[in-house]
């Protein structure tokens, strides 16, 4: 195993510490990067078309994790992350004012399961009350 690079884990040692320390540093750097870009990812850059300003809006979620096996520095470890963005709609600003225009597909994708679950819950409540 190379002193500067772990062959099994592929992680670089930072600051002379173990692999866990380097994974912590990587996770902290990723979290710092994501926290500073949060607003930019939720509200897109304004777009101007024929005097109308459009600002897209989305729900954005990121997650990161890291870990290593128990024991010495030769224990295997890993890191990973992921994200998701759901476009909710856009703010539209024109001569009539500012209004929110929802994304109908997203609205239906959220509303249909919600109504189904709420209907099931109410059916069980009514059934329990009839006993």
N, C-alpha and C. Protein backbone atom coordinates (compact mmCIF):
# COMPACT_ATOMS: atom_id res chain seq x y z
N UNK A 1 0.84 -1.17 0.00
CA UNK A 1 0.00 0.00 0.00
C UNK A 1 0.89 1.24 0.00
N UNK A 2 0.65 2.15 -0.87
CA UNK A 2 1.42 3.38 -0.98
C UNK A 2 1.18 4.25 0.25
N UNK A 3 2.20 4.93 0.74
CA UNK A 3 2.08 5.74 1.96
C UNK A 3 1.19 6.96 1.73
N UNK A 4 1.10 7.45 0.51
CA UNK A 4 0.30 8.65 0.25
C UNK A 4 -1.11 8.34 -0.23
N UNK A 5 -1.34 7.16 -0.76
CA UNK A 5 -2.64 6.85 -1.34
C UNK A 5 -3.05 5.43 -0.93
N UNK A 6 -4.26 5.27 -0.48
CA UNK A 6 -4.76 3.95 -0.14
C UNK A 6 -5.20 3.22 -1.38
N UNK A 7 -4.63 2.07 -1.64
CA UNK A 7 -4.96 1.33 -2.85
C UNK A 7 -6.38 0.79 -2.78
N UNK A 8 -6.78 0.26 -1.63
CA UNK A 8 -8.12 -0.32 -1.52
C UNK A 8 -9.22 0.72 -1.56
N UNK A 9 -9.02 1.82 -0.87
CA UNK A 9 -10.10 2.80 -0.75
C UNK A 9 -10.00 3.91 -1.78
N UNK A 10 -8.82 4.15 -2.33
CA UNK A 10 -8.68 5.23 -3.30
C UNK A 10 -8.76 6.60 -2.67
N UNK A 11 -8.59 6.71 -1.35
CA UNK A 11 -8.68 8.00 -0.68
C UNK A 11 -7.30 8.57 -0.44
N UNK A 12 -7.18 9.87 -0.53
CA UNK A 12 -5.91 10.54 -0.33
C UNK A 12 -5.83 10.99 1.12
N UNK A 13 -4.70 10.79 1.74
CA UNK A 13 -4.50 11.26 3.11
C UNK A 13 -4.32 12.77 3.09
N UNK A 14 -5.03 13.46 3.96
CA UNK A 14 -4.90 14.91 4.09
C UNK A 14 -4.34 15.24 5.45
N UNK A 15 -3.31 16.06 5.49
CA UNK A 15 -2.78 16.55 6.75
C UNK A 15 -2.18 15.48 7.64
N UNK A 16 -1.75 14.35 7.10
CA UNK A 16 -1.09 13.34 7.89
C UNK A 16 -2.02 12.48 8.71
N UNK A 17 -3.32 12.74 8.71
CA UNK A 17 -4.26 11.94 9.49
C UNK A 17 -4.65 10.69 8.76
N UNK A 18 -5.56 9.94 9.34
CA UNK A 18 -6.03 8.71 8.73
C UNK A 18 -7.04 9.00 7.63
N UNK A 19 -7.54 7.92 7.05
CA UNK A 19 -8.51 8.07 5.97
C UNK A 19 -9.81 8.68 6.47
N UNK A 20 -10.21 8.39 7.70
CA UNK A 20 -11.43 8.97 8.26
C UNK A 20 -11.35 10.49 8.30
N UNK A 21 -10.17 11.01 8.64
CA UNK A 21 -10.00 12.47 8.67
C UNK A 21 -10.15 13.05 7.27
N UNK A 22 -9.57 12.39 6.26
CA UNK A 22 -9.68 12.92 4.91
C UNK A 22 -11.12 12.85 4.42
N UNK A 23 -11.85 11.80 4.77
CA UNK A 23 -13.24 11.69 4.37
C UNK A 23 -14.07 12.78 5.05
N UNK A 24 -13.75 13.08 6.29
CA UNK A 24 -14.44 14.16 6.98
C UNK A 24 -14.18 15.48 6.27
N UNK A 25 -12.95 15.72 5.89
CA UNK A 25 -12.62 16.97 5.19
C UNK A 25 -13.35 17.07 3.86
N UNK A 26 -13.42 15.96 3.14
CA UNK A 26 -14.14 15.97 1.86
C UNK A 26 -15.61 16.26 2.09
N UNK A 27 -16.22 15.62 3.09
CA UNK A 27 -17.64 15.84 3.39
C UNK A 27 -17.90 17.29 3.78
N UNK A 28 -17.00 17.86 4.59
CA UNK A 28 -17.17 19.26 5.01
C UNK A 28 -17.05 20.20 3.82
N UNK A 29 -16.11 19.94 2.94
CA UNK A 29 -15.96 20.80 1.75
C UNK A 29 -17.20 20.70 0.86
N UNK A 30 -17.75 19.49 0.68
CA UNK A 30 -18.97 19.34 -0.12
C UNK A 30 -20.14 20.07 0.52
N UNK A 31 -20.29 19.94 1.84
CA UNK A 31 -21.38 20.62 2.53
C UNK A 31 -21.23 22.13 2.42
N UNK A 32 -20.02 22.63 2.53
CA UNK A 32 -19.78 24.08 2.42
C UNK A 32 -20.13 24.57 1.02
N UNK A 33 -19.74 23.81 0.01
CA UNK A 33 -20.05 24.18 -1.37
C UNK A 33 -21.55 24.20 -1.61
N UNK A 34 -22.26 23.18 -1.10
CA UNK A 34 -23.70 23.10 -1.32
C UNK A 34 -24.45 24.20 -0.57
N UNK A 35 -23.99 24.56 0.63
CA UNK A 35 -24.70 25.59 1.39
C UNK A 35 -24.56 26.95 0.74
N UNK A 36 -23.46 27.22 0.09
CA UNK A 36 -23.29 28.53 -0.55
C UNK A 36 -24.02 28.61 -1.88
N UNK A 37 -24.36 27.47 -2.48
CA UNK A 37 -25.05 27.51 -3.77
C UNK A 37 -26.53 27.19 -3.63
N UNK A 38 -27.07 27.13 -2.42
CA UNK A 38 -28.45 26.75 -2.19
C UNK A 38 -29.48 27.62 -2.88
N UNK A 39 -29.40 28.92 -2.69
CA UNK A 39 -30.38 29.83 -3.29
C UNK A 39 -30.29 29.80 -4.80
N UNK A 40 -29.09 29.70 -5.33
CA UNK A 40 -28.92 29.66 -6.78
C UNK A 40 -29.56 28.41 -7.36
N UNK A 41 -29.56 27.31 -6.60
CA UNK A 41 -30.15 26.08 -7.13
C UNK A 41 -31.66 26.04 -6.95
N UNK A 42 -32.21 26.73 -5.97
CA UNK A 42 -33.65 26.75 -5.76
C UNK A 42 -34.32 27.75 -6.71
N UNK A 43 -33.78 28.94 -6.77
CA UNK A 43 -34.29 29.96 -7.68
C UNK A 43 -33.30 30.09 -8.82
N UNK A 44 -33.72 29.76 -10.02
CA UNK A 44 -32.83 29.84 -11.18
C UNK A 44 -32.55 31.28 -11.57
N UNK A 45 -31.66 31.44 -12.52
CA UNK A 45 -31.34 32.77 -13.03
C UNK A 45 -32.57 33.35 -13.73
N UNK A 46 -32.86 34.63 -13.49
CA UNK A 46 -34.00 35.26 -14.17
C UNK A 46 -33.81 35.26 -15.69
N UNK A 47 -34.90 35.00 -16.40
CA UNK A 47 -34.89 34.99 -17.86
C UNK A 47 -35.85 36.08 -18.31
N UNK A 48 -35.42 36.95 -19.22
CA UNK A 48 -36.27 38.02 -19.73
C UNK A 48 -36.63 37.71 -21.17
N UNK A 49 -37.96 37.64 -21.44
CA UNK A 49 -38.47 37.37 -22.78
C UNK A 49 -39.54 38.40 -23.09
N UNK A 50 -39.30 39.26 -24.08
CA UNK A 50 -40.28 40.28 -24.50
C UNK A 50 -40.81 41.11 -23.34
N UNK A 51 -39.95 41.55 -22.45
CA UNK A 51 -40.36 42.40 -21.34
C UNK A 51 -40.94 41.64 -20.15
N UNK A 52 -41.02 40.32 -20.23
CA UNK A 52 -41.52 39.50 -19.13
C UNK A 52 -40.34 38.79 -18.48
N UNK A 53 -40.24 38.92 -17.16
CA UNK A 53 -39.16 38.26 -16.41
C UNK A 53 -39.69 36.98 -15.79
N UNK A 54 -38.97 35.88 -16.00
CA UNK A 54 -39.36 34.58 -15.49
C UNK A 54 -38.24 34.08 -14.57
N UNK A 55 -38.62 33.69 -13.33
CA UNK A 55 -37.66 33.14 -12.38
C UNK A 55 -38.12 31.73 -12.02
N UNK A 56 -37.41 30.69 -12.51
CA UNK A 56 -37.80 29.31 -12.19
C UNK A 56 -37.57 28.98 -10.73
N UNK A 57 -38.46 28.14 -10.17
CA UNK A 57 -38.38 27.74 -8.76
C UNK A 57 -38.41 26.21 -8.68
N UNK A 58 -37.52 25.66 -7.86
CA UNK A 58 -37.46 24.20 -7.68
C UNK A 58 -37.12 23.88 -6.24
N UNK A 59 -37.53 22.70 -5.80
CA UNK A 59 -37.10 22.17 -4.51
C UNK A 59 -35.86 21.33 -4.78
N UNK A 60 -34.78 21.64 -4.09
CA UNK A 60 -33.51 20.96 -4.32
C UNK A 60 -33.06 20.32 -3.02
N UNK A 61 -32.61 19.06 -3.11
CA UNK A 61 -32.15 18.35 -1.92
C UNK A 61 -30.85 17.62 -2.27
N UNK A 62 -29.86 17.74 -1.37
CA UNK A 62 -28.58 17.07 -1.55
C UNK A 62 -28.27 16.27 -0.30
N UNK A 63 -27.57 15.19 -0.46
CA UNK A 63 -27.12 14.40 0.68
C UNK A 63 -25.76 13.79 0.41
N UNK A 64 -24.92 13.76 1.43
CA UNK A 64 -23.58 13.20 1.30
C UNK A 64 -23.27 12.36 2.53
N UNK A 65 -22.46 11.35 2.35
CA UNK A 65 -22.06 10.53 3.48
C UNK A 65 -20.69 9.93 3.24
N UNK A 66 -20.03 9.57 4.32
CA UNK A 66 -18.72 8.95 4.23
C UNK A 66 -18.51 8.06 5.44
N UNK A 67 -17.67 7.07 5.28
CA UNK A 67 -17.37 6.19 6.40
C UNK A 67 -16.24 5.24 6.07
N UNK A 68 -15.77 4.56 7.09
CA UNK A 68 -14.74 3.56 6.90
C UNK A 68 -14.95 2.45 7.90
N UNK A 69 -14.37 1.32 7.60
CA UNK A 69 -14.52 0.17 8.47
C UNK A 69 -13.77 0.35 9.78
N UNK A 70 -14.07 -0.51 10.75
CA UNK A 70 -13.40 -0.41 12.04
C UNK A 70 -11.93 -0.83 11.93
N UNK A 71 -11.14 -0.34 12.85
CA UNK A 71 -9.75 -0.78 12.90
C UNK A 71 -8.77 0.26 12.40
N UNK A 72 -7.69 -0.24 11.85
CA UNK A 72 -6.60 0.65 11.43
C UNK A 72 -6.90 1.34 10.11
N UNK A 73 -5.88 2.03 9.59
CA UNK A 73 -6.04 2.80 8.36
C UNK A 73 -6.25 1.95 7.12
N UNK A 74 -6.00 0.66 7.19
CA UNK A 74 -6.17 -0.19 6.02
C UNK A 74 -7.60 -0.69 5.85
N UNK A 75 -8.50 -0.32 6.77
CA UNK A 75 -9.90 -0.75 6.67
C UNK A 75 -10.55 -0.07 5.48
N UNK A 76 -11.38 -0.82 4.73
CA UNK A 76 -12.04 -0.21 3.57
C UNK A 76 -13.05 0.85 3.99
N UNK A 77 -13.23 1.82 3.13
CA UNK A 77 -14.18 2.89 3.39
C UNK A 77 -14.78 3.37 2.10
N UNK A 78 -15.62 4.36 2.19
CA UNK A 78 -16.23 4.90 0.99
C UNK A 78 -16.96 6.19 1.27
N UNK A 79 -17.36 6.82 0.21
CA UNK A 79 -18.11 8.07 0.31
C UNK A 79 -19.08 8.13 -0.86
N UNK A 80 -20.14 8.87 -0.70
CA UNK A 80 -21.10 8.99 -1.78
C UNK A 80 -22.02 10.18 -1.55
N UNK A 81 -22.77 10.47 -2.54
CA UNK A 81 -23.69 11.59 -2.43
C UNK A 81 -24.71 11.55 -3.55
N UNK A 82 -25.67 12.39 -3.43
CA UNK A 82 -26.69 12.45 -4.46
C UNK A 82 -27.56 13.67 -4.27
N UNK A 83 -28.42 13.87 -5.21
CA UNK A 83 -29.30 15.03 -5.12
C UNK A 83 -30.53 14.84 -5.99
N UNK A 84 -31.49 15.68 -5.75
CA UNK A 84 -32.73 15.66 -6.53
C UNK A 84 -33.27 17.08 -6.63
N UNK A 85 -33.89 17.37 -7.74
CA UNK A 85 -34.52 18.67 -7.94
C UNK A 85 -35.92 18.45 -8.51
N UNK A 86 -36.89 19.13 -7.93
CA UNK A 86 -38.27 19.04 -8.39
C UNK A 86 -38.72 20.43 -8.81
N UNK A 87 -39.00 20.64 -10.10
CA UNK A 87 -39.42 21.97 -10.56
C UNK A 87 -40.85 22.27 -10.12
N UNK A 88 -41.02 23.29 -9.28
CA UNK A 88 -42.36 23.65 -8.79
C UNK A 88 -43.08 24.60 -9.72
N UNK A 89 -42.37 25.45 -10.42
CA UNK A 89 -43.00 26.43 -11.30
C UNK A 89 -42.08 27.61 -11.52
N UNK A 90 -42.69 28.77 -11.71
CA UNK A 90 -41.90 29.96 -11.97
C UNK A 90 -42.65 31.20 -11.52
N UNK A 91 -41.89 32.19 -11.07
CA UNK A 91 -42.45 33.52 -10.83
C UNK A 91 -42.38 34.27 -12.14
N UNK A 92 -43.51 34.87 -12.53
CA UNK A 92 -43.59 35.62 -13.78
C UNK A 92 -43.90 37.06 -13.44
N UNK A 93 -43.07 37.97 -13.93
CA UNK A 93 -43.24 39.40 -13.69
C UNK A 93 -43.41 40.11 -15.03
N UNK A 94 -44.57 40.76 -15.19
CA UNK A 94 -44.82 41.55 -16.40
C UNK A 94 -45.58 42.82 -16.02
N UNK A 95 -46.19 43.46 -17.00
CA UNK A 95 -46.87 44.73 -16.71
C UNK A 95 -48.08 44.57 -15.80
N UNK A 96 -48.64 43.36 -15.68
CA UNK A 96 -49.80 43.13 -14.81
C UNK A 96 -49.40 42.82 -13.37
N UNK A 97 -48.10 42.59 -13.11
CA UNK A 97 -47.63 42.30 -11.76
C UNK A 97 -46.82 41.01 -11.71
N UNK A 98 -46.60 40.55 -10.48
CA UNK A 98 -45.84 39.32 -10.26
C UNK A 98 -46.81 38.24 -9.80
N UNK A 99 -46.69 37.07 -10.40
CA UNK A 99 -47.55 35.95 -10.01
C UNK A 99 -46.74 34.65 -10.12
N UNK A 100 -47.19 33.64 -9.41
CA UNK A 100 -46.54 32.34 -9.45
C UNK A 100 -47.32 31.43 -10.38
N UNK A 101 -46.63 30.80 -11.32
CA UNK A 101 -47.25 29.86 -12.25
C UNK A 101 -46.74 28.46 -11.91
N UNK A 102 -47.59 27.61 -11.33
CA UNK A 102 -47.13 26.28 -10.91
C UNK A 102 -46.88 25.35 -12.10
N UNK A 103 -46.02 24.38 -11.88
CA UNK A 103 -45.79 23.31 -12.85
C UNK A 103 -46.88 22.27 -12.60
N UNK A 104 -47.80 22.13 -13.53
CA UNK A 104 -48.96 21.26 -13.35
C UNK A 104 -48.56 19.80 -13.19
N UNK A 105 -47.54 19.35 -13.91
CA UNK A 105 -47.11 17.96 -13.81
C UNK A 105 -46.63 17.65 -12.39
N UNK A 106 -45.82 18.55 -11.82
CA UNK A 106 -45.34 18.36 -10.46
C UNK A 106 -46.50 18.41 -9.47
N UNK A 107 -47.41 19.34 -9.68
CA UNK A 107 -48.57 19.46 -8.80
C UNK A 107 -49.38 18.17 -8.80
N UNK A 108 -49.61 17.59 -9.96
CA UNK A 108 -50.36 16.33 -10.04
C UNK A 108 -49.57 15.17 -9.44
N UNK A 109 -48.26 15.16 -9.65
CA UNK A 109 -47.43 14.08 -9.11
C UNK A 109 -47.43 14.07 -7.58
N UNK A 110 -47.63 15.23 -6.97
CA UNK A 110 -47.70 15.32 -5.52
C UNK A 110 -49.15 15.16 -5.04
N UNK A 111 -50.10 15.75 -5.75
CA UNK A 111 -51.49 15.77 -5.29
C UNK A 111 -52.17 14.40 -5.37
N UNK A 112 -51.92 13.65 -6.43
CA UNK A 112 -52.62 12.37 -6.58
C UNK A 112 -52.28 11.39 -5.46
N UNK A 113 -50.99 11.15 -5.15
CA UNK A 113 -50.72 10.25 -4.01
C UNK A 113 -51.22 10.81 -2.68
N UNK A 114 -51.15 12.13 -2.50
CA UNK A 114 -51.62 12.73 -1.26
C UNK A 114 -53.13 12.50 -1.09
N UNK A 115 -53.89 12.72 -2.13
CA UNK A 115 -55.35 12.52 -2.06
C UNK A 115 -55.66 11.05 -1.80
N UNK A 116 -54.92 10.13 -2.45
CA UNK A 116 -55.14 8.71 -2.24
C UNK A 116 -54.88 8.32 -0.79
N UNK A 117 -53.76 8.77 -0.23
CA UNK A 117 -53.43 8.44 1.17
C UNK A 117 -54.45 9.08 2.12
N UNK A 118 -54.82 10.32 1.88
CA UNK A 118 -55.81 10.99 2.73
C UNK A 118 -57.15 10.27 2.67
N UNK A 119 -57.55 9.81 1.48
CA UNK A 119 -58.80 9.06 1.35
C UNK A 119 -58.77 7.75 2.11
N UNK A 120 -57.65 7.05 2.02
CA UNK A 120 -57.51 5.81 2.79
C UNK A 120 -57.56 6.08 4.29
N UNK A 121 -56.90 7.12 4.73
CA UNK A 121 -56.89 7.46 6.16
C UNK A 121 -58.30 7.78 6.63
N UNK A 122 -59.03 8.60 5.87
CA UNK A 122 -60.40 8.94 6.26
C UNK A 122 -61.30 7.70 6.28
N UNK A 123 -61.11 6.80 5.32
CA UNK A 123 -61.91 5.58 5.30
C UNK A 123 -61.67 4.74 6.56
N UNK A 124 -60.44 4.65 6.99
CA UNK A 124 -60.14 3.91 8.22
C UNK A 124 -60.69 4.60 9.46
N UNK A 125 -60.65 5.93 9.49
CA UNK A 125 -61.21 6.67 10.63
C UNK A 125 -62.71 6.44 10.69
N UNK A 126 -63.39 6.55 9.57
CA UNK A 126 -64.84 6.34 9.54
C UNK A 126 -65.20 4.92 9.93
N UNK A 127 -64.43 3.94 9.43
CA UNK A 127 -64.67 2.54 9.78
C UNK A 127 -64.48 2.31 11.27
N UNK A 128 -63.47 2.94 11.85
CA UNK A 128 -63.21 2.79 13.31
C UNK A 128 -64.31 3.46 14.13
N UNK A 129 -64.84 4.58 13.67
CA UNK A 129 -65.89 5.27 14.39
C UNK A 129 -67.24 4.52 14.34
N UNK A 130 -67.46 3.75 13.32
CA UNK A 130 -68.71 2.99 13.18
C UNK A 130 -68.76 1.80 14.14
N UNK A 131 -67.64 1.34 14.62
CA UNK A 131 -67.60 0.17 15.54
C UNK A 131 -68.15 0.48 16.86
